[in-house]
Amino acid sequence: MCCCLLGVARSFKPEMAGQFFIFLYMKDVISKWPLHWALGGIGSTEGLEQNAYELEKLCEFIKIKNIKSYTEVGIAAGLLLRFMKDEMNLNVFGITYQERDCHIGLPVFYGKSQTKEAISIASFSDLYFIDADHSYEAVKADYENFKSKCTYMAFHDMLGLRSCEGVKTLWDELKTQYEYWEFICPDINIASGIGVIKIN
């Protein structure tokens, strides 16, 4: 069952005021961070590797669902993990293969996400964000290995663009099994898609 958090409200209720504030606030916060050029940034290859519109909708989801803890599998330069820590005030943890100087100050386990050590060291988080190896086999392994450790699981690049077909294939399977949300930029030229399923 697909859910849309951001549909047009037929009537405004006072308790909705906080949610509208969140929507405006997140757009402003994200605008202060650099974005990768392929996803809407200007001349940057070191920015957030998420589309600004899709990240905004994910952040709104995090606020509305009262998510407090976040684990990211495949953190690249670590900017999204740092964003979730500094801007969203989440308790964060990262799992990634390659150590980088830009990860300083972030709690990160280095190693392949499919190893027994990575799986055992990962603790429960409200939300797991899967963005490591984008092959079908690897994404499915991450799903199977970490699904018992979260309430929600998000998948980046679920549109299957830019050599991410494996993510789309798995996403199309999973959304027939779970309640799900899709955050997709209207401009398909810079979209990548973030899909979230509710597991527990």
N, C-alpha and C. Protein backbone atom coordinates (compact mmCIF):
# COMPACT_ATOMS: atom_id res chain seq x y z
N MET A 1 0.83 -1.18 0.00
CA MET A 1 0.00 0.00 0.00
C MET A 1 0.87 1.25 0.00
N CYS A 2 0.68 2.12 -0.97
CA CYS A 2 1.48 3.33 -1.06
C CYS A 2 0.83 4.45 -0.26
N CYS A 3 1.65 5.21 0.45
CA CYS A 3 1.14 6.32 1.24
C CYS A 3 1.79 7.61 0.78
N CYS A 4 1.03 8.68 0.77
CA CYS A 4 1.56 10.00 0.45
C CYS A 4 1.36 10.90 1.65
N LEU A 5 2.48 11.36 2.22
CA LEU A 5 2.40 12.24 3.37
C LEU A 5 2.11 13.67 2.97
N LEU A 6 2.30 13.98 1.69
CA LEU A 6 2.36 15.37 1.30
C LEU A 6 1.24 15.75 0.34
N GLY A 7 0.13 15.07 0.42
CA GLY A 7 -1.00 15.41 -0.42
C GLY A 7 -1.63 16.73 0.02
N VAL A 8 -2.49 17.28 -0.81
CA VAL A 8 -3.14 18.54 -0.49
C VAL A 8 -4.21 18.31 0.56
N ALA A 9 -4.15 19.06 1.64
CA ALA A 9 -5.13 18.92 2.71
C ALA A 9 -6.44 19.59 2.31
N ARG A 10 -7.55 18.92 2.58
CA ARG A 10 -8.85 19.49 2.27
C ARG A 10 -9.22 20.60 3.24
N SER A 11 -8.76 20.49 4.46
CA SER A 11 -9.03 21.52 5.45
C SER A 11 -7.84 21.62 6.38
N PHE A 12 -7.61 22.81 6.90
CA PHE A 12 -6.48 23.03 7.79
C PHE A 12 -6.91 22.91 9.23
N LYS A 13 -6.13 22.15 10.01
CA LYS A 13 -6.40 22.01 11.43
C LYS A 13 -5.23 22.61 12.20
N PRO A 14 -5.47 23.20 13.37
CA PRO A 14 -4.39 23.83 14.13
C PRO A 14 -3.20 22.92 14.38
N GLU A 15 -3.45 21.64 14.62
CA GLU A 15 -2.35 20.73 14.93
C GLU A 15 -1.45 20.47 13.72
N MET A 16 -1.89 20.89 12.53
CA MET A 16 -1.09 20.71 11.33
C MET A 16 -0.05 21.81 11.16
N ALA A 17 -0.13 22.86 11.94
CA ALA A 17 0.76 24.00 11.76
C ALA A 17 2.23 23.61 11.89
N GLY A 18 2.55 22.75 12.85
CA GLY A 18 3.92 22.31 13.05
C GLY A 18 4.46 21.58 11.85
N GLN A 19 3.63 20.80 11.17
CA GLN A 19 4.09 20.07 10.00
C GLN A 19 4.42 21.02 8.86
N PHE A 20 3.61 22.04 8.65
CA PHE A 20 3.90 23.00 7.59
C PHE A 20 5.20 23.74 7.89
N PHE A 21 5.46 24.02 9.14
CA PHE A 21 6.72 24.66 9.52
C PHE A 21 7.90 23.77 9.19
N ILE A 22 7.76 22.47 9.46
CA ILE A 22 8.83 21.51 9.14
C ILE A 22 9.15 21.55 7.65
N PHE A 23 8.11 21.56 6.80
CA PHE A 23 8.31 21.53 5.36
C PHE A 23 9.13 22.74 4.91
N LEU A 24 8.77 23.92 5.38
CA LEU A 24 9.49 25.14 4.99
C LEU A 24 10.90 25.15 5.56
N TYR A 25 11.04 24.69 6.80
CA TYR A 25 12.34 24.70 7.47
C TYR A 25 13.33 23.79 6.77
N MET A 26 12.92 22.58 6.39
CA MET A 26 13.84 21.63 5.79
C MET A 26 14.36 22.12 4.44
N LYS A 27 13.52 22.75 3.64
CA LYS A 27 13.97 23.29 2.36
C LYS A 27 15.10 24.30 2.58
N ASP A 28 14.95 25.14 3.59
CA ASP A 28 15.95 26.15 3.90
C ASP A 28 17.25 25.51 4.39
N VAL A 29 17.14 24.50 5.24
CA VAL A 29 18.32 23.83 5.78
C VAL A 29 19.11 23.14 4.66
N ILE A 30 18.42 22.40 3.80
CA ILE A 30 19.09 21.66 2.73
C ILE A 30 19.78 22.60 1.75
N SER A 31 19.19 23.77 1.54
CA SER A 31 19.77 24.72 0.58
C SER A 31 21.15 25.21 1.00
N LYS A 32 21.51 25.03 2.26
CA LYS A 32 22.82 25.47 2.76
C LYS A 32 23.91 24.43 2.53
N TRP A 33 23.53 23.24 2.09
CA TRP A 33 24.50 22.16 1.86
C TRP A 33 24.78 22.01 0.37
N PRO A 34 26.04 21.71 0.00
CA PRO A 34 26.35 21.50 -1.43
C PRO A 34 25.72 20.21 -1.93
N LEU A 35 25.32 20.22 -3.21
CA LEU A 35 24.75 19.04 -3.86
C LEU A 35 25.64 18.59 -5.01
N HIS A 36 25.68 17.30 -5.23
CA HIS A 36 26.41 16.77 -6.38
C HIS A 36 25.77 17.30 -7.66
N TRP A 37 26.60 17.64 -8.64
CA TRP A 37 26.10 18.26 -9.87
C TRP A 37 25.07 17.39 -10.59
N ALA A 38 25.23 16.08 -10.56
CA ALA A 38 24.32 15.19 -11.29
C ALA A 38 22.92 15.16 -10.69
N LEU A 39 22.80 15.65 -9.45
CA LEU A 39 21.50 15.62 -8.78
C LEU A 39 21.00 17.03 -8.47
N GLY A 40 21.44 17.99 -9.25
CA GLY A 40 20.90 19.33 -9.11
C GLY A 40 21.85 20.36 -8.57
N GLY A 41 23.08 19.94 -8.19
CA GLY A 41 24.06 20.90 -7.69
C GLY A 41 24.71 21.67 -8.82
N ILE A 42 25.53 22.63 -8.46
CA ILE A 42 26.20 23.47 -9.45
C ILE A 42 27.71 23.29 -9.31
N GLY A 43 28.29 22.56 -10.25
CA GLY A 43 29.74 22.44 -10.32
C GLY A 43 30.38 21.68 -9.17
N SER A 44 29.62 20.88 -8.44
CA SER A 44 30.19 20.19 -7.28
C SER A 44 30.14 18.68 -7.48
N THR A 45 31.26 18.02 -7.15
CA THR A 45 31.28 16.56 -7.14
C THR A 45 31.41 16.04 -5.72
N GLU A 46 31.46 16.93 -4.75
CA GLU A 46 31.69 16.55 -3.36
C GLU A 46 30.48 16.83 -2.47
N GLY A 47 29.35 17.16 -3.08
CA GLY A 47 28.18 17.50 -2.30
C GLY A 47 27.36 16.28 -1.89
N LEU A 48 26.23 16.55 -1.26
CA LEU A 48 25.29 15.49 -0.91
C LEU A 48 24.91 14.73 -2.17
N GLU A 49 24.91 13.42 -2.09
CA GLU A 49 24.60 12.60 -3.25
C GLU A 49 23.13 12.21 -3.26
N GLN A 50 22.30 13.14 -2.83
CA GLN A 50 20.85 12.98 -2.86
C GLN A 50 20.25 14.21 -3.53
N ASN A 51 19.18 14.01 -4.25
CA ASN A 51 18.45 15.11 -4.84
C ASN A 51 17.81 15.94 -3.72
N ALA A 52 17.87 17.27 -3.82
CA ALA A 52 17.39 18.14 -2.74
C ALA A 52 15.91 17.93 -2.45
N TYR A 53 15.10 17.81 -3.49
CA TYR A 53 13.66 17.62 -3.30
C TYR A 53 13.39 16.30 -2.58
N GLU A 54 14.05 15.25 -3.02
CA GLU A 54 13.83 13.93 -2.41
C GLU A 54 14.33 13.88 -0.98
N LEU A 55 15.47 14.53 -0.71
CA LEU A 55 15.98 14.58 0.65
C LEU A 55 15.04 15.39 1.55
N GLU A 56 14.50 16.45 1.02
CA GLU A 56 13.54 17.26 1.78
C GLU A 56 12.34 16.41 2.21
N LYS A 57 11.81 15.62 1.29
CA LYS A 57 10.65 14.78 1.61
C LYS A 57 11.02 13.69 2.62
N LEU A 58 12.23 13.15 2.50
CA LEU A 58 12.68 12.15 3.48
C LEU A 58 12.79 12.79 4.86
N CYS A 59 13.32 14.00 4.93
CA CYS A 59 13.45 14.68 6.22
C CYS A 59 12.09 14.97 6.84
N GLU A 60 11.13 15.35 6.01
CA GLU A 60 9.78 15.57 6.51
C GLU A 60 9.21 14.27 7.07
N PHE A 61 9.46 13.17 6.37
CA PHE A 61 9.02 11.85 6.83
C PHE A 61 9.65 11.53 8.19
N ILE A 62 10.94 11.79 8.33
CA ILE A 62 11.66 11.53 9.58
C ILE A 62 11.04 12.31 10.73
N LYS A 63 10.71 13.56 10.48
CA LYS A 63 10.12 14.40 11.52
C LYS A 63 8.72 13.91 11.89
N ILE A 64 7.91 13.64 10.89
CA ILE A 64 6.53 13.24 11.13
C ILE A 64 6.45 11.89 11.84
N LYS A 65 7.35 10.97 11.49
CA LYS A 65 7.35 9.64 12.09
C LYS A 65 8.14 9.59 13.40
N ASN A 66 8.67 10.74 13.81
CA ASN A 66 9.40 10.85 15.08
C ASN A 66 10.59 9.89 15.13
N ILE A 67 11.31 9.79 14.04
CA ILE A 67 12.49 8.94 13.95
C ILE A 67 13.65 9.59 14.70
N LYS A 68 14.31 8.81 15.54
CA LYS A 68 15.39 9.33 16.39
C LYS A 68 16.75 8.71 16.10
N SER A 69 16.77 7.54 15.48
CA SER A 69 18.04 6.86 15.22
C SER A 69 18.12 6.44 13.76
N TYR A 70 19.35 6.45 13.23
CA TYR A 70 19.54 6.32 11.78
C TYR A 70 20.85 5.59 11.51
N THR A 71 20.79 4.54 10.71
CA THR A 71 21.98 3.84 10.26
C THR A 71 22.04 3.90 8.74
N GLU A 72 23.20 4.28 8.21
CA GLU A 72 23.37 4.39 6.77
C GLU A 72 24.37 3.33 6.30
N VAL A 73 23.96 2.54 5.33
CA VAL A 73 24.80 1.49 4.77
C VAL A 73 25.31 1.99 3.42
N GLY A 74 26.62 2.34 3.39
CA GLY A 74 27.21 2.93 2.20
C GLY A 74 27.18 4.45 2.30
N ILE A 75 28.16 5.04 3.00
CA ILE A 75 28.06 6.47 3.31
C ILE A 75 28.87 7.36 2.35
N ALA A 76 29.63 6.77 1.42
CA ALA A 76 30.45 7.56 0.49
C ALA A 76 31.31 8.57 1.26
N ALA A 77 31.15 9.86 0.98
CA ALA A 77 31.94 10.87 1.67
C ALA A 77 31.41 11.20 3.06
N GLY A 78 30.26 10.65 3.39
CA GLY A 78 29.71 10.82 4.74
C GLY A 78 28.89 12.08 4.95
N LEU A 79 28.61 12.82 3.87
CA LEU A 79 27.88 14.08 4.04
C LEU A 79 26.44 13.85 4.50
N LEU A 80 25.77 12.83 3.97
CA LEU A 80 24.39 12.59 4.41
C LEU A 80 24.36 12.15 5.87
N LEU A 81 25.30 11.31 6.26
CA LEU A 81 25.36 10.88 7.66
C LEU A 81 25.60 12.08 8.57
N ARG A 82 26.48 12.96 8.15
CA ARG A 82 26.76 14.17 8.93
C ARG A 82 25.54 15.09 8.96
N PHE A 83 24.85 15.19 7.84
CA PHE A 83 23.63 15.99 7.77
C PHE A 83 22.58 15.47 8.76
N MET A 84 22.40 14.16 8.79
CA MET A 84 21.41 13.57 9.70
C MET A 84 21.80 13.78 11.16
N LYS A 85 23.08 13.78 11.42
CA LYS A 85 23.57 14.01 12.78
C LYS A 85 23.43 15.48 13.19
N ASP A 86 23.90 16.37 12.33
CA ASP A 86 23.98 17.79 12.70
C ASP A 86 22.67 18.54 12.50
N GLU A 87 21.96 18.25 11.43
CA GLU A 87 20.75 19.01 11.11
C GLU A 87 19.48 18.35 11.63
N MET A 88 19.44 17.02 11.61
CA MET A 88 18.24 16.30 12.05
C MET A 88 18.34 15.84 13.49
N ASN A 89 19.55 16.00 14.07
CA ASN A 89 19.78 15.62 15.48
C ASN A 89 19.46 14.15 15.75
N LEU A 90 19.83 13.30 14.81
CA LEU A 90 19.60 11.87 14.96
C LEU A 90 20.83 11.20 15.58
N ASN A 91 20.59 10.09 16.24
CA ASN A 91 21.66 9.22 16.71
C ASN A 91 22.08 8.37 15.51
N VAL A 92 23.27 8.59 14.97
CA VAL A 92 23.63 8.00 13.68
C VAL A 92 24.76 6.98 13.80
N PHE A 93 24.80 6.10 12.79
CA PHE A 93 25.87 5.12 12.66
C PHE A 93 26.01 4.81 11.17
N GLY A 94 27.25 4.63 10.71
CA GLY A 94 27.49 4.33 9.31
C GLY A 94 28.25 3.03 9.12
N ILE A 95 27.97 2.38 8.01
CA ILE A 95 28.70 1.18 7.60
C ILE A 95 29.16 1.43 6.16
N THR A 96 30.47 1.37 5.94
CA THR A 96 30.96 1.63 4.58
C THR A 96 32.29 0.92 4.37
N TYR A 97 32.67 0.74 3.12
CA TYR A 97 33.84 -0.06 2.80
C TYR A 97 35.14 0.73 2.91
N GLN A 98 35.14 1.97 2.46
CA GLN A 98 36.37 2.74 2.34
C GLN A 98 36.45 3.86 3.38
N GLU A 99 37.53 3.88 4.13
CA GLU A 99 37.75 4.95 5.10
C GLU A 99 38.24 6.21 4.38
N ARG A 100 37.71 7.37 4.80
CA ARG A 100 38.11 8.64 4.22
C ARG A 100 38.34 9.66 5.34
N ASP A 101 39.22 10.63 5.06
CA ASP A 101 39.48 11.68 6.04
C ASP A 101 38.23 12.47 6.38
N CYS A 102 37.32 12.61 5.42
CA CYS A 102 36.11 13.40 5.63
C CYS A 102 35.11 12.72 6.58
N HIS A 103 35.43 11.50 6.99
CA HIS A 103 34.56 10.80 7.95
C HIS A 103 34.89 11.15 9.40
N ILE A 104 35.93 11.93 9.62
CA ILE A 104 36.35 12.26 10.99
C ILE A 104 35.18 12.85 11.77
N GLY A 105 34.97 12.32 12.97
CA GLY A 105 33.88 12.79 13.82
C GLY A 105 32.59 12.03 13.66
N LEU A 106 32.57 11.07 12.74
CA LEU A 106 31.37 10.26 12.51
C LEU A 106 31.59 8.84 13.02
N PRO A 107 30.57 8.22 13.62
CA PRO A 107 30.69 6.82 14.07
C PRO A 107 30.50 5.88 12.88
N VAL A 108 31.59 5.26 12.44
CA VAL A 108 31.54 4.46 11.22
C VAL A 108 32.25 3.13 11.43
N PHE A 109 31.65 2.06 10.91
CA PHE A 109 32.31 0.76 10.83
C PHE A 109 32.81 0.60 9.40
N TYR A 110 34.08 0.21 9.24
CA TYR A 110 34.65 0.03 7.91
C TYR A 110 34.74 -1.44 7.56
N GLY A 111 34.12 -1.79 6.44
CA GLY A 111 34.11 -3.15 5.97
C GLY A 111 32.90 -3.36 5.08
N LYS A 112 32.85 -4.47 4.38
CA LYS A 112 31.70 -4.76 3.53
C LYS A 112 30.47 -5.03 4.39
N SER A 113 29.34 -4.51 3.93
CA SER A 113 28.13 -4.60 4.75
C SER A 113 27.60 -6.02 4.88
N GLN A 114 28.04 -6.92 4.00
CA GLN A 114 27.54 -8.31 4.07
C GLN A 114 28.34 -9.20 5.02
N THR A 115 29.42 -8.67 5.61
CA THR A 115 30.24 -9.50 6.49
C THR A 115 29.54 -9.74 7.83
N LYS A 116 29.89 -10.83 8.48
CA LYS A 116 29.31 -11.15 9.78
C LYS A 116 29.62 -10.07 10.80
N GLU A 117 30.82 -9.49 10.71
CA GLU A 117 31.20 -8.46 11.67
C GLU A 117 30.34 -7.21 11.51
N ALA A 118 30.10 -6.80 10.27
CA ALA A 118 29.26 -5.62 10.03
C ALA A 118 27.84 -5.84 10.52
N ILE A 119 27.31 -7.02 10.24
CA ILE A 119 25.93 -7.32 10.64
C ILE A 119 25.81 -7.38 12.16
N SER A 120 26.81 -7.97 12.81
CA SER A 120 26.73 -8.12 14.27
C SER A 120 26.93 -6.79 15.00
N ILE A 121 27.75 -5.91 14.44
CA ILE A 121 28.03 -4.64 15.12
C ILE A 121 26.90 -3.64 14.93
N ALA A 122 26.11 -3.81 13.90
CA ALA A 122 25.01 -2.89 13.63
C ALA A 122 23.89 -3.12 14.65
N SER A 123 23.46 -2.05 15.28
CA SER A 123 22.39 -2.16 16.27
C SER A 123 21.07 -1.69 15.68
N PHE A 124 20.02 -1.78 16.46
CA PHE A 124 18.69 -1.37 15.99
C PHE A 124 18.65 0.14 15.78
N SER A 125 18.06 0.57 14.68
CA SER A 125 17.79 1.98 14.41
C SER A 125 16.37 2.11 13.90
N ASP A 126 15.77 3.26 14.16
CA ASP A 126 14.42 3.50 13.63
C ASP A 126 14.42 3.42 12.11
N LEU A 127 15.49 3.94 11.49
CA LEU A 127 15.57 3.98 10.03
C LEU A 127 16.94 3.51 9.56
N TYR A 128 16.95 2.57 8.63
CA TYR A 128 18.17 2.19 7.90
C TYR A 128 18.06 2.77 6.49
N PHE A 129 19.15 3.38 6.02
CA PHE A 129 19.21 3.96 4.68
C PHE A 129 20.22 3.16 3.87
N ILE A 130 19.75 2.45 2.86
CA ILE A 130 20.61 1.55 2.07
C ILE A 130 21.09 2.27 0.82
N ASP A 131 22.44 2.42 0.71
CA ASP A 131 23.00 3.17 -0.41
C ASP A 131 24.43 2.70 -0.70
N ALA A 132 24.67 1.40 -0.61
CA ALA A 132 26.01 0.86 -0.82
C ALA A 132 26.12 0.31 -2.25
N ASP A 133 26.57 -0.92 -2.39
CA ASP A 133 26.64 -1.57 -3.70
C ASP A 133 25.22 -1.63 -4.28
N HIS A 134 25.04 -1.15 -5.51
CA HIS A 134 23.71 -1.03 -6.10
C HIS A 134 23.31 -2.22 -6.97
N SER A 135 24.09 -3.28 -6.97
CA SER A 135 23.68 -4.48 -7.70
C SER A 135 22.51 -5.13 -6.97
N TYR A 136 21.70 -5.86 -7.71
CA TYR A 136 20.53 -6.49 -7.11
C TYR A 136 20.93 -7.41 -5.97
N GLU A 137 21.96 -8.21 -6.18
CA GLU A 137 22.38 -9.17 -5.17
C GLU A 137 22.82 -8.49 -3.89
N ALA A 138 23.57 -7.40 -4.02
CA ALA A 138 24.09 -6.69 -2.85
C ALA A 138 22.98 -5.96 -2.10
N VAL A 139 22.10 -5.29 -2.84
CA VAL A 139 21.01 -4.55 -2.18
C VAL A 139 20.07 -5.53 -1.48
N LYS A 140 19.79 -6.65 -2.11
CA LYS A 140 18.93 -7.64 -1.47
C LYS A 140 19.59 -8.21 -0.21
N ALA A 141 20.91 -8.42 -0.28
CA ALA A 141 21.62 -8.92 0.90
C ALA A 141 21.55 -7.92 2.04
N ASP A 142 21.71 -6.63 1.73
CA ASP A 142 21.59 -5.60 2.77
C ASP A 142 20.19 -5.59 3.37
N TYR A 143 19.20 -5.71 2.53
CA TYR A 143 17.81 -5.79 3.01
C TYR A 143 17.63 -6.98 3.95
N GLU A 144 18.08 -8.15 3.52
CA GLU A 144 17.90 -9.37 4.33
C GLU A 144 18.69 -9.29 5.63
N ASN A 145 19.89 -8.74 5.56
CA ASN A 145 20.78 -8.72 6.74
C ASN A 145 20.34 -7.72 7.80
N PHE A 146 19.69 -6.63 7.39
CA PHE A 146 19.39 -5.56 8.35
C PHE A 146 17.90 -5.34 8.60
N LYS A 147 17.04 -6.08 7.94
CA LYS A 147 15.61 -5.82 8.10
C LYS A 147 15.10 -6.08 9.51
N SER A 148 15.78 -6.92 10.26
CA SER A 148 15.35 -7.18 11.64
C SER A 148 15.86 -6.11 12.61
N LYS A 149 16.62 -5.15 12.08
CA LYS A 149 17.25 -4.15 12.94
C LYS A 149 16.64 -2.76 12.78
N CYS A 150 15.46 -2.67 12.17
CA CYS A 150 14.88 -1.34 11.96
C CYS A 150 13.36 -1.39 11.87
N THR A 151 12.77 -0.23 12.05
CA THR A 151 11.33 -0.07 11.83
C THR A 151 11.04 0.31 10.39
N TYR A 152 11.86 1.20 9.86
CA TYR A 152 11.74 1.62 8.46
C TYR A 152 13.07 1.37 7.76
N MET A 153 12.97 1.05 6.46
CA MET A 153 14.18 0.90 5.65
C MET A 153 14.00 1.72 4.37
N ALA A 154 14.99 2.57 4.08
CA ALA A 154 14.96 3.40 2.89
C ALA A 154 15.98 2.92 1.87
N PHE A 155 15.64 3.06 0.60
CA PHE A 155 16.52 2.67 -0.49
C PHE A 155 16.73 3.87 -1.41
N HIS A 156 18.00 4.25 -1.58
CA HIS A 156 18.32 5.34 -2.51
C HIS A 156 18.47 4.78 -3.91
N ASP A 157 18.14 5.59 -4.91
CA ASP A 157 18.26 5.22 -6.32
C ASP A 157 17.25 4.17 -6.75
N MET A 158 16.05 4.21 -6.15
CA MET A 158 15.06 3.18 -6.49
C MET A 158 14.41 3.38 -7.87
N LEU A 159 14.77 4.47 -8.54
CA LEU A 159 14.29 4.64 -9.92
C LEU A 159 15.12 3.81 -10.91
N GLY A 160 16.29 3.36 -10.45
CA GLY A 160 17.12 2.52 -11.32
C GLY A 160 17.94 3.27 -12.35
N LEU A 161 18.08 4.57 -12.19
CA LEU A 161 18.84 5.38 -13.14
C LEU A 161 20.34 5.32 -12.82
N ARG A 162 21.17 5.72 -13.79
CA ARG A 162 22.62 5.82 -13.60
C ARG A 162 23.22 4.50 -13.08
N SER A 163 22.91 3.41 -13.77
CA SER A 163 23.46 2.08 -13.47
C SER A 163 23.00 1.54 -12.11
N CYS A 164 21.78 1.89 -11.71
CA CYS A 164 21.23 1.42 -10.43
C CYS A 164 20.02 0.51 -10.63
N GLU A 165 20.02 -0.24 -11.73
CA GLU A 165 18.86 -1.07 -12.06
C GLU A 165 18.56 -2.10 -10.98
N GLY A 166 19.60 -2.58 -10.29
CA GLY A 166 19.39 -3.59 -9.26
C GLY A 166 18.53 -3.09 -8.11
N VAL A 167 18.68 -1.80 -7.79
CA VAL A 167 17.87 -1.23 -6.71
C VAL A 167 16.41 -1.19 -7.13
N LYS A 168 16.14 -0.78 -8.36
CA LYS A 168 14.77 -0.72 -8.85
C LYS A 168 14.12 -2.09 -8.85
N THR A 169 14.87 -3.09 -9.27
CA THR A 169 14.31 -4.45 -9.32
C THR A 169 13.88 -4.91 -7.93
N LEU A 170 14.74 -4.70 -6.94
CA LEU A 170 14.39 -5.09 -5.58
C LEU A 170 13.24 -4.24 -5.05
N TRP A 171 13.28 -2.93 -5.31
CA TRP A 171 12.23 -2.05 -4.83
C TRP A 171 10.86 -2.48 -5.37
N ASP A 172 10.80 -2.82 -6.64
CA ASP A 172 9.53 -3.25 -7.23
C ASP A 172 9.01 -4.52 -6.55
N GLU A 173 9.90 -5.35 -6.08
CA GLU A 173 9.49 -6.55 -5.34
C GLU A 173 8.99 -6.20 -3.94
N LEU A 174 9.74 -5.34 -3.25
CA LEU A 174 9.45 -5.06 -1.85
C LEU A 174 8.16 -4.27 -1.67
N LYS A 175 7.86 -3.37 -2.59
CA LYS A 175 6.69 -2.52 -2.37
C LYS A 175 5.38 -3.26 -2.58
N THR A 176 5.45 -4.50 -3.03
CA THR A 176 4.25 -5.34 -3.07
C THR A 176 4.02 -6.05 -1.74
N GLN A 177 5.02 -5.96 -0.84
CA GLN A 177 4.95 -6.69 0.42
C GLN A 177 4.75 -5.80 1.64
N TYR A 178 5.04 -4.51 1.52
CA TYR A 178 5.05 -3.61 2.67
C TYR A 178 4.27 -2.33 2.39
N GLU A 179 3.88 -1.67 3.46
CA GLU A 179 3.45 -0.28 3.33
C GLU A 179 4.68 0.52 2.91
N TYR A 180 4.51 1.43 1.95
CA TYR A 180 5.69 2.10 1.43
C TYR A 180 5.40 3.55 1.05
N TRP A 181 6.49 4.30 0.93
CA TRP A 181 6.46 5.70 0.52
C TRP A 181 7.52 5.90 -0.55
N GLU A 182 7.23 6.72 -1.55
CA GLU A 182 8.20 7.04 -2.59
C GLU A 182 8.38 8.56 -2.67
N PHE A 183 9.62 9.01 -2.68
CA PHE A 183 9.95 10.42 -2.80
C PHE A 183 10.74 10.60 -4.09
N ILE A 184 10.12 11.22 -5.09
CA ILE A 184 10.70 11.30 -6.43
C ILE A 184 10.62 12.74 -6.93
N CYS A 185 11.75 13.28 -7.33
CA CYS A 185 11.81 14.64 -7.87
C CYS A 185 11.02 14.71 -9.17
N PRO A 186 10.19 15.75 -9.35
CA PRO A 186 9.43 15.88 -10.61
C PRO A 186 10.33 16.02 -11.84
N ASP A 187 11.55 16.53 -11.66
CA ASP A 187 12.49 16.66 -12.78
C ASP A 187 13.29 15.37 -12.89
N ILE A 188 12.89 14.50 -13.81
CA ILE A 188 13.50 13.18 -13.92
C ILE A 188 14.97 13.26 -14.30
N ASN A 189 15.41 14.38 -14.87
CA ASN A 189 16.81 14.52 -15.27
C ASN A 189 17.76 14.56 -14.08
N ILE A 190 17.27 14.97 -12.92
CA ILE A 190 18.12 15.01 -11.73
C ILE A 190 17.55 14.17 -10.59
N ALA A 191 16.55 13.34 -10.90
CA ALA A 191 15.93 12.49 -9.89
C ALA A 191 16.76 11.23 -9.68
N SER A 192 16.62 10.63 -8.51
CA SER A 192 17.20 9.31 -8.25
C SER A 192 16.18 8.42 -7.54
N GLY A 193 15.33 9.03 -6.74
CA GLY A 193 14.26 8.28 -6.05
C GLY A 193 14.70 7.73 -4.71
N ILE A 194 13.91 8.00 -3.69
CA ILE A 194 14.09 7.38 -2.38
C ILE A 194 12.80 6.65 -2.03
N GLY A 195 12.92 5.38 -1.75
CA GLY A 195 11.75 4.59 -1.35
C GLY A 195 11.91 4.11 0.07
N VAL A 196 10.84 4.13 0.84
CA VAL A 196 10.86 3.71 2.24
C VAL A 196 9.79 2.65 2.46
N ILE A 197 10.16 1.58 3.14
CA ILE A 197 9.17 0.57 3.54
C ILE A 197 9.09 0.53 5.07
N LYS A 198 7.92 0.20 5.57
CA LYS A 198 7.73 -0.01 6.99
C LYS A 198 7.84 -1.51 7.27
N ILE A 199 8.84 -1.89 8.05
CA ILE A 199 9.08 -3.31 8.28
C ILE A 199 8.44 -3.78 9.59
N ASN A 200 8.65 -3.03 10.66
CA ASN A 200 8.12 -3.43 11.97
C ASN A 200 7.22 -2.34 12.53
